């Protein structure tokens, strides 16, 4: 899963061609990778994250940094 925060009509363009670092499959823009609000993310001690609305753990090896330093 890719974490990103975005604004504007083309703000999601940066992740449309991303590849999952574990599965090596291309992210499906808006499904596998999508912007999420900072208030929905909590950092874990091991470098991963928790997506709070679903209590979904995102391991560090699945995280891809956002070019705007958001989620």
PDB file of N, CA and C in Angstrom:
ATOM      1  N   UNK A   1       0.845  -1.172   0.000  1.00  0.00           N
ATOM      2  CA  UNK A   1       0.000   0.000   0.000  1.00  0.00           C
ATOM      3  C   UNK A   1       0.882   1.224   0.000  1.00  0.00           C
ATOM      4  N   UNK A   2       0.471   2.159  -0.716  1.00  0.00           N
ATOM      5  CA  UNK A   2       1.205   3.405  -0.827  1.00  0.00           C
ATOM      6  C   UNK A   2       0.475   4.472  -0.018  1.00  0.00           C
ATOM      7  N   UNK A   3       1.200   5.227   0.710  1.00  0.00           N
ATOM      8  CA  UNK A   3       0.597   6.289   1.502  1.00  0.00           C
ATOM      9  C   UNK A   3       0.880   7.621   0.848  1.00  0.00           C
ATOM     10  N   UNK A   4      -0.175   8.480   0.733  1.00  0.00           N
ATOM     11  CA  UNK A   4       0.019   9.771   0.075  1.00  0.00           C
ATOM     12  C   UNK A   4      -1.047  10.758   0.489  1.00  0.00           C
ATOM     13  N   UNK A   5      -0.705  12.018   0.520  1.00  0.00           N
ATOM     14  CA  UNK A   5      -1.686  13.085   0.680  1.00  0.00           C
ATOM     15  C   UNK A   5      -1.591  13.928  -0.574  1.00  0.00           C
ATOM     16  N   UNK A   6      -2.723  14.310  -1.098  1.00  0.00           N
ATOM     17  CA  UNK A   6      -2.683  15.006  -2.378  1.00  0.00           C
ATOM     18  C   UNK A   6      -3.768  16.058  -2.461  1.00  0.00           C
ATOM     19  N   UNK A   7      -3.491  17.058  -3.289  1.00  0.00           N
ATOM     20  CA  UNK A   7      -4.487  18.068  -3.604  1.00  0.00           C
ATOM     21  C   UNK A   7      -4.397  18.363  -5.082  1.00  0.00           C
ATOM     22  N   UNK A   8      -5.476  18.800  -5.657  1.00  0.00           N
ATOM     23  CA  UNK A   8      -5.466  19.158  -7.072  1.00  0.00           C
ATOM     24  C   UNK A   8      -5.852  18.002  -7.965  1.00  0.00           C
ATOM     25  N   UNK A   9      -6.192  18.329  -9.196  1.00  0.00           N
ATOM     26  CA  UNK A   9      -6.700  17.337 -10.135  1.00  0.00           C
ATOM     27  C   UNK A   9      -5.682  16.269 -10.491  1.00  0.00           C
ATOM     28  N   UNK A  10      -4.407  16.623 -10.614  1.00  0.00           N
ATOM     29  CA  UNK A  10      -3.393  15.654 -11.011  1.00  0.00           C
ATOM     30  C   UNK A  10      -2.476  15.252  -9.868  1.00  0.00           C
ATOM     31  N   UNK A  11      -2.894  15.470  -8.661  1.00  0.00           N
ATOM     32  CA  UNK A  11      -2.031  15.197  -7.521  1.00  0.00           C
ATOM     33  C   UNK A  11      -1.745  13.717  -7.338  1.00  0.00           C
ATOM     34  N   UNK A  12      -2.590  12.863  -7.867  1.00  0.00           N
ATOM     35  CA  UNK A  12      -2.374  11.424  -7.733  1.00  0.00           C
ATOM     36  C   UNK A  12      -1.461  10.855  -8.809  1.00  0.00           C
ATOM     37  N   UNK A  13      -1.068  11.650  -9.784  1.00  0.00           N
ATOM     38  CA  UNK A  13      -0.272  11.153 -10.906  1.00  0.00           C
ATOM     39  C   UNK A  13       1.020  10.471 -10.476  1.00  0.00           C
ATOM     40  N   UNK A  14       1.643  10.938  -9.417  1.00  0.00           N
ATOM     41  CA  UNK A  14       2.936  10.389  -9.025  1.00  0.00           C
ATOM     42  C   UNK A  14       2.855   8.916  -8.656  1.00  0.00           C
ATOM     43  N   UNK A  15       1.724   8.421  -8.195  1.00  0.00           N
ATOM     44  CA  UNK A  15       1.664   7.017  -7.798  1.00  0.00           C
ATOM     45  C   UNK A  15       0.976   6.099  -8.802  1.00  0.00           C
ATOM     46  N   UNK A  16       0.498   6.624  -9.906  1.00  0.00           N
ATOM     47  CA  UNK A  16      -0.185   5.769 -10.873  1.00  0.00           C
ATOM     48  C   UNK A  16       0.711   4.687 -11.462  1.00  0.00           C
ATOM     49  N   UNK A  17       2.001   4.924 -11.562  1.00  0.00           N
ATOM     50  CA  UNK A  17       2.912   3.932 -12.130  1.00  0.00           C
ATOM     51  C   UNK A  17       3.836   3.307 -11.093  1.00  0.00           C
ATOM     52  N   UNK A  18       3.488   3.447  -9.825  1.00  0.00           N
ATOM     53  CA  UNK A  18       4.306   2.855  -8.765  1.00  0.00           C
ATOM     54  C   UNK A  18       4.149   1.338  -8.766  1.00  0.00           C
ATOM     55  N   UNK A  19       5.158   0.658  -8.247  1.00  0.00           N
ATOM     56  CA  UNK A  19       5.151  -0.794  -8.132  1.00  0.00           C
ATOM     57  C   UNK A  19       5.272  -1.147  -6.656  1.00  0.00           C
ATOM     58  N   UNK A  20       4.429  -2.074  -6.199  1.00  0.00           N
ATOM     59  CA  UNK A  20       4.489  -2.528  -4.814  1.00  0.00           C
ATOM     60  C   UNK A  20       5.867  -3.146  -4.571  1.00  0.00           C
ATOM     61  N   UNK A  21       6.609  -2.687  -3.557  1.00  0.00           N
ATOM     62  CA  UNK A  21       7.965  -3.186  -3.338  1.00  0.00           C
ATOM     63  C   UNK A  21       8.024  -4.653  -2.915  1.00  0.00           C
ATOM     64  N   UNK A  22       6.929  -5.211  -2.442  1.00  0.00           N
ATOM     65  CA  UNK A  22       6.906  -6.611  -2.016  1.00  0.00           C
ATOM     66  C   UNK A  22       6.405  -7.521  -3.130  1.00  0.00           C
ATOM     67  N   UNK A  23       5.235  -7.203  -3.699  1.00  0.00           N
ATOM     68  CA  UNK A  23       4.645  -8.079  -4.720  1.00  0.00           C
ATOM     69  C   UNK A  23       5.207  -7.833  -6.110  1.00  0.00           C
ATOM     70  N   UNK A  24       5.783  -6.649  -6.316  1.00  0.00           N
ATOM     71  CA  UNK A  24       6.315  -6.213  -7.622  1.00  0.00           C
ATOM     72  C   UNK A  24       5.216  -5.970  -8.658  1.00  0.00           C
ATOM     73  N   UNK A  25       3.958  -5.950  -8.233  1.00  0.00           N
ATOM     74  CA  UNK A  25       2.851  -5.628  -9.131  1.00  0.00           C
ATOM     75  C   UNK A  25       2.634  -4.121  -9.152  1.00  0.00           C
ATOM     76  N   UNK A  26       2.175  -3.630 -10.287  1.00  0.00           N
ATOM     77  CA  UNK A  26       1.873  -2.210 -10.432  1.00  0.00           C
ATOM     78  C   UNK A  26       0.682  -1.843  -9.550  1.00  0.00           C
ATOM     79  N   UNK A  27       0.788  -0.706  -8.878  1.00  0.00           N
ATOM     80  CA  UNK A  27      -0.337  -0.213  -8.079  1.00  0.00           C
ATOM     81  C   UNK A  27      -1.459   0.222  -9.019  1.00  0.00           C
ATOM     82  N   UNK A  28      -2.666  -0.094  -8.652  1.00  0.00           N
ATOM     83  CA  UNK A  28      -3.829   0.362  -9.428  1.00  0.00           C
ATOM     84  C   UNK A  28      -4.229   1.718  -8.875  1.00  0.00           C
ATOM     85  N   UNK A  29      -3.959   2.792  -9.594  1.00  0.00           N
ATOM     86  CA  UNK A  29      -4.235   4.141  -9.137  1.00  0.00           C
ATOM     87  C   UNK A  29      -5.624   4.293  -8.544  1.00  0.00           C
ATOM     88  N   UNK A  30      -5.691   4.748  -7.301  1.00  0.00           N
ATOM     89  CA  UNK A  30      -6.957   4.970  -6.629  1.00  0.00           C
ATOM     90  C   UNK A  30      -7.488   3.753  -5.899  1.00  0.00           C
ATOM     91  N   UNK A  31      -6.871   2.589  -6.094  1.00  0.00           N
ATOM     92  CA  UNK A  31      -7.326   1.389  -5.386  1.00  0.00           C
ATOM     93  C   UNK A  31      -6.243   0.914  -4.420  1.00  0.00           C
ATOM     94  N   UNK A  32      -5.108   0.455  -4.954  1.00  0.00           N
ATOM     95  CA  UNK A  32      -4.007   0.026  -4.096  1.00  0.00           C
ATOM     96  C   UNK A  32      -3.312   1.223  -3.473  1.00  0.00           C
ATOM     97  N   UNK A  33      -3.129   2.248  -4.263  1.00  0.00           N
ATOM     98  CA  UNK A  33      -2.468   3.471  -3.814  1.00  0.00           C
ATOM     99  C   UNK A  33      -3.470   4.610  -3.877  1.00  0.00           C
ATOM    100  N   UNK A  34      -3.535   5.350  -2.802  1.00  0.00           N
ATOM    101  CA  UNK A  34      -4.465   6.477  -2.782  1.00  0.00           C
ATOM    102  C   UNK A  34      -4.066   7.421  -1.655  1.00  0.00           C
ATOM    103  N   UNK A  35      -4.421   8.685  -1.782  1.00  0.00           N
ATOM    104  CA  UNK A  35      -4.125   9.630  -0.706  1.00  0.00           C
ATOM    105  C   UNK A  35      -5.001   9.353   0.511  1.00  0.00           C
ATOM    106  N   UNK A  36      -4.426   9.502   1.680  1.00  0.00           N
ATOM    107  CA  UNK A  36      -5.191   9.375   2.920  1.00  0.00           C
ATOM    108  C   UNK A  36      -4.804  10.532   3.840  1.00  0.00           C
ATOM    109  N   UNK A  37      -5.743  11.011   4.652  1.00  0.00           N
ATOM    110  CA  UNK A  37      -5.458  12.153   5.517  1.00  0.00           C
ATOM    111  C   UNK A  37      -4.476  11.797   6.636  1.00  0.00           C
ATOM    112  N   UNK A  38      -3.636  12.763   7.007  1.00  0.00           N
ATOM    113  CA  UNK A  38      -2.670  12.546   8.088  1.00  0.00           C
ATOM    114  C   UNK A  38      -3.342  12.095   9.374  1.00  0.00           C
ATOM    115  N   UNK A  39      -4.541  12.579   9.629  1.00  0.00           N
ATOM    116  CA  UNK A  39      -5.244  12.228  10.861  1.00  0.00           C
ATOM    117  C   UNK A  39      -5.638  10.755  10.904  1.00  0.00           C
ATOM    118  N   UNK A  40      -5.541  10.051   9.775  1.00  0.00           N
ATOM    119  CA  UNK A  40      -5.902   8.636   9.704  1.00  0.00           C
ATOM    120  C   UNK A  40      -4.701   7.707   9.830  1.00  0.00           C
ATOM    121  N   UNK A  41      -3.507   8.269  10.053  1.00  0.00           N
ATOM    122  CA  UNK A  41      -2.283   7.469  10.069  1.00  0.00           C
ATOM    123  C   UNK A  41      -1.547   7.648  11.390  1.00  0.00           C
ATOM    124  N   UNK A  42      -1.063   6.540  11.922  1.00  0.00           N
ATOM    125  CA  UNK A  42      -0.247   6.583  13.133  1.00  0.00           C
ATOM    126  C   UNK A  42       1.053   5.826  12.853  1.00  0.00           C
ATOM    127  N   UNK A  43       2.184   6.431  13.174  1.00  0.00           N
ATOM    128  CA  UNK A  43       3.486   5.786  12.998  1.00  0.00           C
ATOM    129  C   UNK A  43       3.671   4.689  14.036  1.00  0.00           C
ATOM    130  N   UNK A  44       4.350   3.620  13.622  1.00  0.00           N
ATOM    131  CA  UNK A  44       4.706   2.544  14.544  1.00  0.00           C
ATOM    132  C   UNK A  44       6.197   2.637  14.851  1.00  0.00           C
ATOM    133  N   UNK A  45       6.618   2.075  15.952  1.00  0.00           N
ATOM    134  CA  UNK A  45       8.016   2.100  16.379  1.00  0.00           C
ATOM    135  C   UNK A  45       8.920   1.412  15.357  1.00  0.00           C
ATOM    136  N   UNK A  46       8.423   0.384  14.677  1.00  0.00           N
ATOM    137  CA  UNK A  46       9.243  -0.384  13.728  1.00  0.00           C
ATOM    138  C   UNK A  46       9.360   0.266  12.354  1.00  0.00           C
ATOM    139  N   UNK A  47       8.803   1.470  12.192  1.00  0.00           N
ATOM    140  CA  UNK A  47       8.888   2.174  10.916  1.00  0.00           C
ATOM    141  C   UNK A  47       7.682   1.985  10.030  1.00  0.00           C
ATOM    142  N   UNK A  48       6.777   1.124  10.424  1.00  0.00           N
ATOM    143  CA  UNK A  48       5.537   0.943   9.676  1.00  0.00           C
ATOM    144  C   UNK A  48       4.498   1.950  10.119  1.00  0.00           C
ATOM    145  N   UNK A  49       3.285   1.747   9.667  1.00  0.00           N
ATOM    146  CA  UNK A  49       2.187   2.650   9.991  1.00  0.00           C
ATOM    147  C   UNK A  49       0.924   1.856  10.280  1.00  0.00           C
ATOM    148  N   UNK A  50      -0.009   2.505  10.961  1.00  0.00           N
ATOM    149  CA  UNK A  50      -1.343   1.954  11.162  1.00  0.00           C
ATOM    150  C   UNK A  50      -2.322   2.918  10.519  1.00  0.00           C
ATOM    151  N   UNK A  51      -3.177   2.380   9.634  1.00  0.00           N
ATOM    152  CA  UNK A  51      -4.264   3.154   9.045  1.00  0.00           C
ATOM    153  C   UNK A  51      -5.425   3.009  10.013  1.00  0.00           C
ATOM    154  N   UNK A  52      -5.684   4.053  10.782  1.00  0.00           N
ATOM    155  CA  UNK A  52      -6.578   3.979  11.933  1.00  0.00           C
ATOM    156  C   UNK A  52      -8.030   3.617  11.638  1.00  0.00           C
ATOM    157  N   UNK A  53      -8.659   4.130  10.579  1.00  0.00           N
ATOM    158  CA  UNK A  53     -10.072   3.784  10.394  1.00  0.00           C
ATOM    159  C   UNK A  53     -10.330   2.276  10.333  1.00  0.00           C
ATOM    160  N   UNK A  54      -9.378   1.519   9.783  1.00  0.00           N
ATOM    161  CA  UNK A  54      -9.549   0.068   9.659  1.00  0.00           C
ATOM    162  C   UNK A  54      -8.613  -0.709  10.570  1.00  0.00           C
ATOM    163  N   UNK A  55      -7.792  -0.010  11.362  1.00  0.00           N
ATOM    164  CA  UNK A  55      -6.766  -0.638  12.191  1.00  0.00           C
ATOM    165  C   UNK A  55      -5.888  -1.556  11.340  1.00  0.00           C
ATOM    166  N   UNK A  56      -5.581  -1.076  10.132  1.00  0.00           N
ATOM    167  CA  UNK A  56      -4.819  -1.833   9.145  1.00  0.00           C
ATOM    168  C   UNK A  56      -3.337  -1.522   9.293  1.00  0.00           C
ATOM    169  N   UNK A  57      -2.531  -2.539   9.565  1.00  0.00           N
ATOM    170  CA  UNK A  57      -1.088  -2.358   9.712  1.00  0.00           C
ATOM    171  C   UNK A  57      -0.414  -2.362   8.356  1.00  0.00           C
ATOM    172  N   UNK A  58       0.447  -1.391   8.141  1.00  0.00           N
ATOM    173  CA  UNK A  58       1.199  -1.275   6.895  1.00  0.00           C
ATOM    174  C   UNK A  58       2.674  -1.460   7.249  1.00  0.00           C
ATOM    175  N   UNK A  59       3.262  -2.612   6.890  1.00  0.00           N
ATOM    176  CA  UNK A  59       4.665  -2.854   7.224  1.00  0.00           C
ATOM    177  C   UNK A  59       5.599  -1.876   6.511  1.00  0.00           C
ATOM    178  N   UNK A  60       6.734  -1.593   7.115  1.00  0.00           N
ATOM    179  CA  UNK A  60       7.697  -0.643   6.558  1.00  0.00           C
ATOM    180  C   UNK A  60       8.109  -1.015   5.142  1.00  0.00           C
ATOM    181  N   UNK A  61       8.241  -2.301   4.841  1.00  0.00           N
ATOM    182  CA  UNK A  61       8.691  -2.697   3.504  1.00  0.00           C
ATOM    183  C   UNK A  61       7.634  -2.495   2.427  1.00  0.00           C
ATOM    184  N   UNK A  62       6.413  -2.137   2.822  1.00  0.00           N
ATOM    185  CA  UNK A  62       5.350  -1.853   1.852  1.00  0.00           C
ATOM    186  C   UNK A  62       5.129  -0.353   1.667  1.00  0.00           C
ATOM    187  N   UNK A  63       5.723   0.464   2.530  1.00  0.00           N
ATOM    188  CA  UNK A  63       5.526   1.912   2.492  1.00  0.00           C
ATOM    189  C   UNK A  63       6.391   2.523   1.395  1.00  0.00           C
ATOM    190  N   UNK A  64       5.785   3.418   0.622  1.00  0.00           N
ATOM    191  CA  UNK A  64       6.520   4.180  -0.384  1.00  0.00           C
ATOM    192  C   UNK A  64       6.360   5.651  -0.038  1.00  0.00           C
ATOM    193  N   UNK A  65       7.458   6.326   0.044  1.00  0.00           N
ATOM    194  CA  UNK A  65       7.439   7.726   0.452  1.00  0.00           C
ATOM    195  C   UNK A  65       6.719   8.591  -0.576  1.00  0.00           C
ATOM    196  N   UNK A  66       6.026   9.584  -0.072  1.00  0.00           N
ATOM    197  CA  UNK A  66       5.312  10.536  -0.910  1.00  0.00           C
ATOM    198  C   UNK A  66       6.242  11.698  -1.248  1.00  0.00           C
ATOM    199  N   UNK A  67       6.199  12.212  -2.472  1.00  0.00           N
ATOM    200  CA  UNK A  67       7.071  13.331  -2.823  1.00  0.00           C
ATOM    201  C   UNK A  67       6.747  14.614  -2.060  1.00  0.00           C
ATOM    202  N   UNK A  68       5.563  14.692  -1.449  1.00  0.00           N
ATOM    203  CA  UNK A  68       5.219  15.887  -0.679  1.00  0.00           C
ATOM    204  C   UNK A  68       5.356  15.652   0.829  1.00  0.00           C
ATOM    205  N   UNK A  69       5.985  14.546   1.215  1.00  0.00           N
ATOM    206  CA  UNK A  69       6.210  14.193   2.618  1.00  0.00           C
ATOM    207  C   UNK A  69       4.923  14.057   3.417  1.00  0.00           C
ATOM    208  N   UNK A  70       3.848  13.761   2.746  1.00  0.00           N
ATOM    209  CA  UNK A  70       2.574  13.507   3.405  1.00  0.00           C
ATOM    210  C   UNK A  70       2.280  12.007   3.305  1.00  0.00           C
ATOM    211  N   UNK A  71       0.997  11.638   3.394  1.00  0.00           N
ATOM    212  CA  UNK A  71       0.613  10.220   3.297  1.00  0.00           C
ATOM    213  C   UNK A  71      -0.254   9.980   2.095  1.00  0.00           C
TER     214      UNK A  71
END
